[in-house]
Amino acid sequence: MTRRSAEKQTLTVAGRAGFVARGVVYVLIGALAVRIALGSGGEEADRQGALRQVAEQPFGKVMLWALVLGFGCMALWRGARAVMTRGPRRKAGSRLLDGGRALFYAAVCWATAAFAAGSDEGSSGNAQSQDWTASALELPYGRWLVGVAGCILIGIGAVLAVRAAMRRFLRRLNTGAMSRRTRQTVTALGVGGGAARGAVFAAAGIFILVAAVRFDPHEAKGVDATLRSFAHTPMGPWLLVAVAVGLILFGVFSFASARWRRL
């Protein structure tokens, strides 16, 4: 019983550290996107751009390795949720989703570690997205595979936005430990942040789908180019500002999740 309790406590700490790391990156990406919208930002508004911002701070190396640890903890926590028994309500779909998230955060952890170790000087996130799309298009039925991937991303974005609007995230939070004002604030963060995050996923999916339809990998866009595309809509840079602020809200919501999430 003591061993099981210690394992649960370890995973809880890991999960909370992971949410903090996620929050830092989203806040920085949102802040970079705001600067781009206002015409004062030359840094890419994606994970690499966020990591460069961290590296430029005092004790930047230490902070980068702290993020590596945080993403590693998130991968560990998600992986544990995928394989450990959590009662009859833990369906196969939920386990598979957690397994996919564990692999995603393991990849993010590896990429962040490579950045922290100084081996970052590769292609940008936008170029990587185009390279991956080009490679996929060369496969048998590559156009269909890329098209399906785009549709999946669009679907994920729509689900994220709808779930945020429905406030489904409140089910995973210990709202009983919050004051009324705190709950209202966290709810606003989750709704606004989730909607912005969903919009970015959906927009990225649309560009990938267009790349499949036109058989042109250059139509695919990374996070930075996807965010910049919001400034080219009829609403101009103000739509980018709205999405960027939403990403900052999601980052702050991640900090709230680190505090109140049921793990």
C-alpha atoms as a PDB file:
ATOM      1  CA  MET A   1       0.000   0.000   0.000  1.00  0.00           C
ATOM      2  CA  THR A   2       2.870   2.350   0.832  1.00  0.00           C
ATOM      3  CA  ARG A   3       4.597   1.589  -2.461  1.00  0.00           C
ATOM      4  CA  ARG A   4       1.399   2.202  -4.420  1.00  0.00           C
ATOM      5  CA  SER A   5       0.882   5.498  -2.607  1.00  0.00           C
ATOM      6  CA  ALA A   6       4.454   6.577  -3.382  1.00  0.00           C
ATOM      7  CA  GLU A   7       3.998   5.728  -7.071  1.00  0.00           C
ATOM      8  CA  LYS A   8       0.790   7.734  -7.223  1.00  0.00           C
ATOM      9  CA  GLN A   9       2.442  10.721  -5.556  1.00  0.00           C
ATOM     10  CA  THR A  10       5.380  10.533  -7.988  1.00  0.00           C
ATOM     11  CA  LEU A  11       3.055  10.502 -10.991  1.00  0.00           C
ATOM     12  CA  THR A  12       1.060  13.391  -9.539  1.00  0.00           C
ATOM     13  CA  VAL A  13       4.202  15.503  -9.207  1.00  0.00           C
ATOM     14  CA  ALA A  14       5.224  14.511 -12.739  1.00  0.00           C
ATOM     15  CA  GLY A  15       1.869  15.542 -14.165  1.00  0.00           C
ATOM     16  CA  ARG A  16       1.921  18.924 -12.438  1.00  0.00           C
ATOM     17  CA  ALA A  17       5.468  19.608 -13.660  1.00  0.00           C
ATOM     18  CA  GLY A  18       4.355  18.744 -17.184  1.00  0.00           C
ATOM     19  CA  PHE A  19       1.469  21.216 -17.093  1.00  0.00           C
ATOM     20  CA  VAL A  20       3.816  23.960 -15.912  1.00  0.00           C
ATOM     21  CA  ALA A  21       6.202  23.276 -18.817  1.00  0.00           C
ATOM     22  CA  ARG A  22       3.304  23.321 -21.274  1.00  0.00           C
ATOM     23  CA  GLY A  23       2.090  26.600 -19.820  1.00  0.00           C
ATOM     24  CA  VAL A  24       5.481  28.294 -20.204  1.00  0.00           C
ATOM     25  CA  VAL A  25       5.702  27.401 -23.894  1.00  0.00           C
ATOM     26  CA  TYR A  26       2.141  28.492 -24.712  1.00  0.00           C
ATOM     27  CA  VAL A  27       2.552  31.834 -22.917  1.00  0.00           C
ATOM     28  CA  LEU A  28       5.762  32.536 -24.814  1.00  0.00           C
ATOM     29  CA  ILE A  29       4.312  31.501 -28.193  1.00  0.00           C
ATOM     30  CA  GLY A  30       1.313  33.758 -27.567  1.00  0.00           C
ATOM     31  CA  ALA A  31       3.545  36.667 -26.547  1.00  0.00           C
ATOM     32  CA  LEU A  32       5.666  36.244 -29.689  1.00  0.00           C
ATOM     33  CA  ALA A  33       2.527  36.165 -31.827  1.00  0.00           C
ATOM     34  CA  VAL A  34       1.298  39.411 -30.237  1.00  0.00           C
ATOM     35  CA  ARG A  35       4.611  41.065 -31.090  1.00  0.00           C
ATOM     36  CA  ILE A  36       4.320  39.836 -34.687  1.00  0.00           C
ATOM     37  CA  ALA A  37       0.791  41.213 -34.962  1.00  0.00           C
ATOM     38  CA  LEU A  38       1.952  44.589 -33.691  1.00  0.00           C
ATOM     39  CA  GLY A  39       4.879  44.616 -36.109  1.00  0.00           C
ATOM     40  CA  SER A  40       7.628  44.404 -33.502  1.00  0.00           C
ATOM     41  CA  GLY A  41       8.540  40.715 -33.568  1.00  0.00           C
ATOM     42  CA  GLY A  42      11.088  38.990 -35.771  1.00  0.00           C
ATOM     43  CA  GLU A  43      11.224  35.716 -33.826  1.00  0.00           C
ATOM     44  CA  GLU A  44       9.196  32.731 -34.976  1.00  0.00           C
ATOM     45  CA  ALA A  45       6.008  32.219 -32.955  1.00  0.00           C
ATOM     46  CA  ASP A  46       6.412  28.490 -32.357  1.00  0.00           C
ATOM     47  CA  ARG A  47       8.097  26.169 -29.875  1.00  0.00           C
ATOM     48  CA  GLN A  48      11.575  26.930 -31.203  1.00  0.00           C
ATOM     49  CA  GLY A  49      10.945  30.657 -30.916  1.00  0.00           C
ATOM     50  CA  ALA A  50       9.691  30.181 -27.360  1.00  0.00           C
ATOM     51  CA  LEU A  51      12.786  28.167 -26.435  1.00  0.00           C
ATOM     52  CA  ARG A  52      15.043  30.865 -27.868  1.00  0.00           C
ATOM     53  CA  GLN A  53      13.279  33.395 -25.655  1.00  0.00           C
ATOM     54  CA  VAL A  54      13.961  31.187 -22.637  1.00  0.00           C
ATOM     55  CA  ALA A  55      17.613  30.728 -23.617  1.00  0.00           C
ATOM     56  CA  GLU A  56      18.151  34.499 -23.740  1.00  0.00           C
ATOM     57  CA  GLN A  57      17.090  34.951 -20.120  1.00  0.00           C
ATOM     58  CA  PRO A  58      19.442  34.849 -17.126  1.00  0.00           C
ATOM     59  CA  PHE A  59      20.047  31.192 -16.223  1.00  0.00           C
ATOM     60  CA  GLY A  60      18.477  30.338 -19.586  1.00  0.00           C
ATOM     61  CA  LYS A  61      20.277  26.987 -19.830  1.00  0.00           C
ATOM     62  CA  VAL A  62      18.974  25.944 -16.445  1.00  0.00           C
ATOM     63  CA  MET A  63      15.457  26.966 -17.438  1.00  0.00           C
ATOM     64  CA  LEU A  64      15.705  25.018 -20.706  1.00  0.00           C
ATOM     65  CA  TRP A  65      16.721  21.842 -18.908  1.00  0.00           C
ATOM     66  CA  ALA A  66      13.888  22.438 -16.442  1.00  0.00           C
ATOM     67  CA  LEU A  67      11.515  22.444 -19.424  1.00  0.00           C
ATOM     68  CA  VAL A  68      13.117  19.213 -20.663  1.00  0.00           C
ATOM     69  CA  LEU A  69      12.396  17.691 -17.259  1.00  0.00           C
ATOM     70  CA  GLY A  70       8.841  19.035 -17.333  1.00  0.00           C
ATOM     71  CA  PHE A  71       8.054  17.595 -20.762  1.00  0.00           C
ATOM     72  CA  GLY A  72       9.635  14.310 -19.755  1.00  0.00           C
ATOM     73  CA  CYS A  73       7.398  14.265 -16.697  1.00  0.00           C
ATOM     74  CA  MET A  74       4.354  14.941 -18.864  1.00  0.00           C
ATOM     75  CA  ALA A  75       5.288  12.033 -21.149  1.00  0.00           C
ATOM     76  CA  LEU A  76       5.728   9.795 -18.096  1.00  0.00           C
ATOM     77  CA  TRP A  77       2.374  10.810 -16.624  1.00  0.00           C
ATOM     78  CA  ARG A  78       0.498  10.363 -19.896  1.00  0.00           C
ATOM     79  CA  GLY A  79       2.189   7.027 -20.476  1.00  0.00           C
ATOM     80  CA  ALA A  80       1.262   5.836 -17.011  1.00  0.00           C
ATOM     81  CA  ARG A  81      -2.365   6.818 -17.607  1.00  0.00           C
ATOM     82  CA  ALA A  82      -2.325   4.818 -20.832  1.00  0.00           C
ATOM     83  CA  VAL A  83      -1.111   1.561 -19.260  1.00  0.00           C
ATOM     84  CA  MET A  84      -2.228   1.658 -15.645  1.00  0.00           C
ATOM     85  CA  THR A  85      -5.688   0.580 -14.524  1.00  0.00           C
ATOM     86  CA  ARG A  86      -7.919   3.497 -13.582  1.00  0.00           C
ATOM     87  CA  GLY A  87     -11.221   1.771 -13.060  1.00  0.00           C
ATOM     88  CA  PRO A  88     -13.993   0.629 -15.388  1.00  0.00           C
ATOM     89  CA  ARG A  89     -14.426   4.049 -16.989  1.00  0.00           C
ATOM     90  CA  ARG A  90     -10.960   3.959 -18.533  1.00  0.00           C
ATOM     91  CA  LYS A  91     -11.953   2.857 -22.011  1.00  0.00           C
ATOM     92  CA  ALA A  92      -9.583   1.719 -24.735  1.00  0.00           C
ATOM     93  CA  GLY A  93     -10.055   4.995 -26.622  1.00  0.00           C
ATOM     94  CA  SER A  94      -8.958   7.040 -23.601  1.00  0.00           C
ATOM     95  CA  ARG A  95      -5.908   4.840 -23.106  1.00  0.00           C
ATOM     96  CA  LEU A  96      -4.988   5.152 -26.780  1.00  0.00           C
ATOM     97  CA  LEU A  97      -5.351   8.933 -26.604  1.00  0.00           C
ATOM     98  CA  ASP A  98      -3.102   9.123 -23.561  1.00  0.00           C
ATOM     99  CA  GLY A  99      -0.601   6.862 -25.296  1.00  0.00           C
ATOM    100  CA  GLY A 100      -0.510   9.192 -28.293  1.00  0.00           C
ATOM    101  CA  ARG A 101      -0.041  12.190 -26.037  1.00  0.00           C
ATOM    102  CA  ALA A 102       2.782  10.396 -24.228  1.00  0.00           C
ATOM    103  CA  LEU A 103       4.583   9.842 -27.536  1.00  0.00           C
ATOM    104  CA  PHE A 104       3.993  13.477 -28.513  1.00  0.00           C
ATOM    105  CA  TYR A 105       5.454  14.844 -25.272  1.00  0.00           C
ATOM    106  CA  ALA A 106       8.361  12.392 -25.476  1.00  0.00           C
ATOM    107  CA  ALA A 107       9.153  13.876 -28.901  1.00  0.00           C
ATOM    108  CA  VAL A 108       8.816  17.414 -27.510  1.00  0.00           C
ATOM    109  CA  CYS A 109      11.112  16.467 -24.620  1.00  0.00           C
ATOM    110  CA  TRP A 110      13.709  15.111 -27.044  1.00  0.00           C
ATOM    111  CA  ALA A 111      13.540  18.183 -29.289  1.00  0.00           C
ATOM    112  CA  THR A 112      13.824  20.514 -26.283  1.00  0.00           C
ATOM    113  CA  ALA A 113      16.812  18.554 -24.982  1.00  0.00           C
ATOM    114  CA  ALA A 114      18.475  18.831 -28.401  1.00  0.00           C
ATOM    115  CA  PHE A 115      17.880  22.594 -28.329  1.00  0.00           C
ATOM    116  CA  ALA A 116      19.274  22.890 -24.807  1.00  0.00           C
ATOM    117  CA  ALA A 117      22.337  20.864 -25.826  1.00  0.00           C
ATOM    118  CA  GLY A 118      23.033  23.308 -28.655  1.00  0.00           C
ATOM    119  CA  SER A 119      22.035  21.204 -31.655  1.00  0.00           C
ATOM    120  CA  ASP A 120      19.103  23.421 -32.628  1.00  0.00           C
ATOM    121  CA  GLU A 121      20.431  25.014 -35.793  1.00  0.00           C
ATOM    122  CA  GLY A 122      18.287  23.029 -38.191  1.00  0.00           C
ATOM    123  CA  SER A 123      15.367  23.996 -40.370  1.00  0.00           C
ATOM    124  CA  SER A 124      12.532  26.097 -39.004  1.00  0.00           C
ATOM    125  CA  GLY A 125       9.227  24.644 -37.915  1.00  0.00           C
ATOM    126  CA  ASN A 126       7.644  25.846 -41.169  1.00  0.00           C
ATOM    127  CA  ALA A 127      10.348  24.186 -43.274  1.00  0.00           C
ATOM    128  CA  GLN A 128      10.058  20.978 -41.253  1.00  0.00           C
ATOM    129  CA  SER A 129       6.310  20.876 -41.854  1.00  0.00           C
ATOM    130  CA  GLN A 130       6.846  21.287 -45.593  1.00  0.00           C
ATOM    131  CA  ASP A 131       9.594  18.639 -45.614  1.00  0.00           C
ATOM    132  CA  TRP A 132       7.387  16.117 -43.797  1.00  0.00           C
ATOM    133  CA  THR A 133       4.505  16.865 -46.168  1.00  0.00           C
ATOM    134  CA  ALA A 134       6.756  16.454 -49.212  1.00  0.00           C
ATOM    135  CA  SER A 135       7.995  13.098 -47.914  1.00  0.00           C
ATOM    136  CA  ALA A 136       4.439  11.932 -47.244  1.00  0.00           C
ATOM    137  CA  LEU A 137       3.253  12.993 -50.709  1.00  0.00           C
ATOM    138  CA  GLU A 138       5.917  10.785 -52.282  1.00  0.00           C
ATOM    139  CA  LEU A 139       4.482   7.671 -50.612  1.00  0.00           C
ATOM    140  CA  PRO A 140       1.928   5.413 -52.352  1.00  0.00           C
ATOM    141  CA  TYR A 141      -1.448   7.092 -51.895  1.00  0.00           C
ATOM    142  CA  GLY A 142       0.520   9.949 -50.322  1.00  0.00           C
ATOM    143  CA  ARG A 143      -1.993  12.588 -51.380  1.00  0.00           C
ATOM    144  CA  TRP A 144      -4.753  10.671 -49.583  1.00  0.00           C
ATOM    145  CA  LEU A 145      -2.603  10.163 -46.494  1.00  0.00           C
ATOM    146  CA  VAL A 146      -1.799  13.866 -46.284  1.00  0.00           C
ATOM    147  CA  GLY A 147      -5.434  14.754 -46.891  1.00  0.00           C
ATOM    148  CA  VAL A 148      -6.554  12.447 -44.086  1.00  0.00           C
ATOM    149  CA  ALA A 149      -3.925  13.964 -41.772  1.00  0.00           C
ATOM    150  CA  GLY A 150      -5.258  17.438 -42.577  1.00  0.00           C
ATOM    151  CA  CYS A 151      -8.830  16.350 -41.889  1.00  0.00           C
ATOM    152  CA  ILE A 152      -7.766  14.798 -38.583  1.00  0.00           C
ATOM    153  CA  LEU A 153      -6.099  18.040 -37.509  1.00  0.00           C
ATOM    154  CA  ILE A 154      -9.186  20.023 -38.501  1.00  0.00           C
ATOM    155  CA  GLY A 155     -11.315  17.593 -36.480  1.00  0.00           C
ATOM    156  CA  ILE A 156      -9.022  17.856 -33.462  1.00  0.00           C
ATOM    157  CA  GLY A 157      -9.204  21.639 -33.630  1.00  0.00           C
ATOM    158  CA  ALA A 158     -12.996  21.570 -33.828  1.00  0.00           C
ATOM    159  CA  VAL A 159     -13.224  19.141 -30.892  1.00  0.00           C
ATOM    160  CA  LEU A 160     -10.869  21.259 -28.780  1.00  0.00           C
ATOM    161  CA  ALA A 161     -12.905  24.395 -29.456  1.00  0.00           C
ATOM    162  CA  VAL A 162     -16.266  22.712 -28.819  1.00  0.00           C
ATOM    163  CA  ARG A 163     -15.072  21.016 -25.633  1.00  0.00           C
ATOM    164  CA  ALA A 164     -13.742  24.364 -24.417  1.00  0.00           C
ATOM    165  CA  ALA A 165     -17.060  26.088 -25.178  1.00  0.00           C
ATOM    166  CA  MET A 166     -18.904  23.303 -23.322  1.00  0.00           C
ATOM    167  CA  ARG A 167     -16.497  23.710 -20.380  1.00  0.00           C
ATOM    168  CA  ARG A 168     -15.726  20.005 -20.354  1.00  0.00           C
ATOM    169  CA  PHE A 169     -12.338  20.757 -18.795  1.00  0.00           C
ATOM    170  CA  LEU A 170     -14.027  21.603 -15.492  1.00  0.00           C
ATOM    171  CA  ARG A 171     -14.706  17.887 -14.956  1.00  0.00           C
ATOM    172  CA  ARG A 172     -10.976  17.277 -14.586  1.00  0.00           C
ATOM    173  CA  LEU A 173     -10.392  20.107 -12.127  1.00  0.00           C
ATOM    174  CA  ASN A 174     -10.905  20.109  -8.390  1.00  0.00           C
ATOM    175  CA  THR A 175     -13.318  23.034  -8.531  1.00  0.00           C
ATOM    176  CA  GLY A 176     -14.441  22.384  -4.959  1.00  0.00           C
ATOM    177  CA  ALA A 177     -11.077  23.689  -3.768  1.00  0.00           C
ATOM    178  CA  MET A 178     -11.543  26.986  -5.650  1.00  0.00           C
ATOM    179  CA  SER A 179     -13.255  30.120  -4.526  1.00  0.00           C
ATOM    180  CA  ARG A 180     -16.139  31.376  -6.665  1.00  0.00           C
ATOM    181  CA  ARG A 181     -13.997  34.086  -8.266  1.00  0.00           C
ATOM    182  CA  THR A 182     -11.137  31.683  -8.914  1.00  0.00           C
ATOM    183  CA  ARG A 183     -13.483  29.229 -10.604  1.00  0.00           C
ATOM    184  CA  GLN A 184     -14.872  31.986 -12.830  1.00  0.00           C
ATOM    185  CA  THR A 185     -11.345  33.052 -13.768  1.00  0.00           C
ATOM    186  CA  VAL A 186     -10.172  29.512 -14.513  1.00  0.00           C
ATOM    187  CA  THR A 187     -13.326  28.896 -16.565  1.00  0.00           C
ATOM    188  CA  ALA A 188     -12.668  32.001 -18.658  1.00  0.00           C
ATOM    189  CA  LEU A 189      -9.054  30.916 -19.164  1.00  0.00           C
ATOM    190  CA  GLY A 190     -10.124  27.445 -20.268  1.00  0.00           C
ATOM    191  CA  VAL A 191     -12.824  28.642 -22.652  1.00  0.00           C
ATOM    192  CA  GLY A 192     -10.749  31.383 -24.297  1.00  0.00           C
ATOM    193  CA  GLY A 193      -7.547  29.385 -24.350  1.00  0.00           C
ATOM    194  CA  GLY A 194      -9.167  26.206 -25.629  1.00  0.00           C
ATOM    195  CA  ALA A 195     -10.949  28.062 -28.421  1.00  0.00           C
ATOM    196  CA  ALA A 196      -7.707  29.711 -29.582  1.00  0.00           C
ATOM    197  CA  ARG A 197      -5.805  26.425 -29.437  1.00  0.00           C
ATOM    198  CA  GLY A 198      -8.531  24.733 -31.440  1.00  0.00           C
ATOM    199  CA  ALA A 199      -8.429  27.500 -34.049  1.00  0.00           C
ATOM    200  CA  VAL A 200      -4.678  27.024 -34.552  1.00  0.00           C
ATOM    201  CA  PHE A 201      -5.033  23.239 -34.925  1.00  0.00           C
ATOM    202  CA  ALA A 202      -7.889  23.637 -37.399  1.00  0.00           C
ATOM    203  CA  ALA A 203      -6.050  26.267 -39.458  1.00  0.00           C
ATOM    204  CA  ALA A 204      -2.924  24.080 -39.627  1.00  0.00           C
ATOM    205  CA  GLY A 205      -5.116  21.187 -40.759  1.00  0.00           C
ATOM    206  CA  ILE A 206      -6.674  23.303 -43.511  1.00  0.00           C
ATOM    207  CA  PHE A 207      -3.229  24.167 -44.898  1.00  0.00           C
ATOM    208  CA  ILE A 208      -2.225  20.491 -44.899  1.00  0.00           C
ATOM    209  CA  LEU A 209      -5.468  19.583 -46.666  1.00  0.00           C
ATOM    210  CA  VAL A 210      -4.815  22.269 -49.284  1.00  0.00           C
ATOM    211  CA  ALA A 211      -1.291  20.848 -49.742  1.00  0.00           C
ATOM    212  CA  ALA A 212      -2.850  17.453 -50.468  1.00  0.00           C
ATOM    213  CA  VAL A 213      -5.437  18.828 -52.889  1.00  0.00           C
ATOM    214  CA  ARG A 214      -2.878  20.895 -54.808  1.00  0.00           C
ATOM    215  CA  PHE A 215      -0.125  18.273 -54.418  1.00  0.00           C
ATOM    216  CA  ASP A 216       2.150  21.080 -53.223  1.00  0.00           C
ATOM    217  CA  PRO A 217       4.070  20.622 -49.934  1.00  0.00           C
ATOM    218  CA  HIS A 218       4.764  24.359 -49.791  1.00  0.00           C
ATOM    219  CA  GLU A 219       1.110  24.908 -48.893  1.00  0.00           C
ATOM    220  CA  ALA A 220       1.706  23.185 -45.527  1.00  0.00           C
ATOM    221  CA  LYS A 221       2.562  25.508 -42.673  1.00  0.00           C
ATOM    222  CA  GLY A 222       4.110  25.184 -39.248  1.00  0.00           C
ATOM    223  CA  VAL A 223       2.782  26.912 -36.134  1.00  0.00           C
ATOM    224  CA  ASP A 224       4.524  30.204 -36.933  1.00  0.00           C
ATOM    225  CA  ALA A 225       3.203  30.503 -40.503  1.00  0.00           C
ATOM    226  CA  THR A 226      -0.232  29.301 -39.389  1.00  0.00           C
ATOM    227  CA  LEU A 227      -0.409  32.052 -36.802  1.00  0.00           C
ATOM    228  CA  ARG A 228       0.812  34.678 -39.288  1.00  0.00           C
ATOM    229  CA  SER A 229      -1.950  33.616 -41.688  1.00  0.00           C
ATOM    230  CA  PHE A 230      -4.556  34.947 -39.254  1.00  0.00           C
ATOM    231  CA  ALA A 231      -3.205  38.440 -39.932  1.00  0.00           C
ATOM    232  CA  HIS A 232      -4.004  38.037 -43.638  1.00  0.00           C
ATOM    233  CA  THR A 233      -7.739  37.644 -43.092  1.00  0.00           C
ATOM    234  CA  PRO A 234     -10.239  40.522 -43.537  1.00  0.00           C
ATOM    235  CA  MET A 235      -9.882  41.211 -39.807  1.00  0.00           C
ATOM    236  CA  GLY A 236      -6.192  41.907 -40.320  1.00  0.00           C
ATOM    237  CA  PRO A 237      -3.696  41.684 -37.454  1.00  0.00           C
ATOM    238  CA  TRP A 238      -6.443  41.977 -34.850  1.00  0.00           C
ATOM    239  CA  LEU A 239      -7.508  38.376 -35.421  1.00  0.00           C
ATOM    240  CA  LEU A 240      -3.906  37.314 -34.830  1.00  0.00           C
ATOM    241  CA  VAL A 241      -3.893  39.390 -31.635  1.00  0.00           C
ATOM    242  CA  ALA A 242      -7.083  37.650 -30.475  1.00  0.00           C
ATOM    243  CA  VAL A 243      -5.670  34.178 -31.178  1.00  0.00           C
ATOM    244  CA  ALA A 244      -2.323  35.094 -29.606  1.00  0.00           C
ATOM    245  CA  VAL A 245      -3.993  36.357 -26.436  1.00  0.00           C
ATOM    246  CA  GLY A 246      -6.013  33.152 -26.412  1.00  0.00           C
ATOM    247  CA  LEU A 247      -2.802  31.085 -26.491  1.00  0.00           C
ATOM    248  CA  ILE A 248      -1.492  33.104 -23.556  1.00  0.00           C
ATOM    249  CA  LEU A 249      -4.745  32.372 -21.730  1.00  0.00           C
ATOM    250  CA  PHE A 250      -4.270  28.673 -22.446  1.00  0.00           C
ATOM    251  CA  GLY A 251      -0.771  28.864 -21.024  1.00  0.00           C
ATOM    252  CA  VAL A 252      -2.117  30.410 -17.825  1.00  0.00           C
ATOM    253  CA  PHE A 253      -4.869  27.768 -17.802  1.00  0.00           C
ATOM    254  CA  SER A 254      -2.101  25.142 -17.912  1.00  0.00           C
ATOM    255  CA  PHE A 255      -0.653  26.684 -14.749  1.00  0.00           C
ATOM    256  CA  ALA A 256      -4.105  26.439 -13.174  1.00  0.00           C
ATOM    257  CA  SER A 257      -4.273  22.802 -14.271  1.00  0.00           C
ATOM    258  CA  ALA A 258      -0.945  22.189 -12.539  1.00  0.00           C
ATOM    259  CA  ARG A 259      -2.558  23.464  -9.356  1.00  0.00           C
ATOM    260  CA  TRP A 260      -6.099  22.063  -9.510  1.00  0.00           C
ATOM    261  CA  ARG A 261      -6.114  19.176 -12.000  1.00  0.00           C
ATOM    262  CA  ARG A 262      -7.215  15.815 -10.589  1.00  0.00           C
ATOM    263  CA  LEU A 263      -4.213  13.595 -11.339  1.00  0.00           C
END
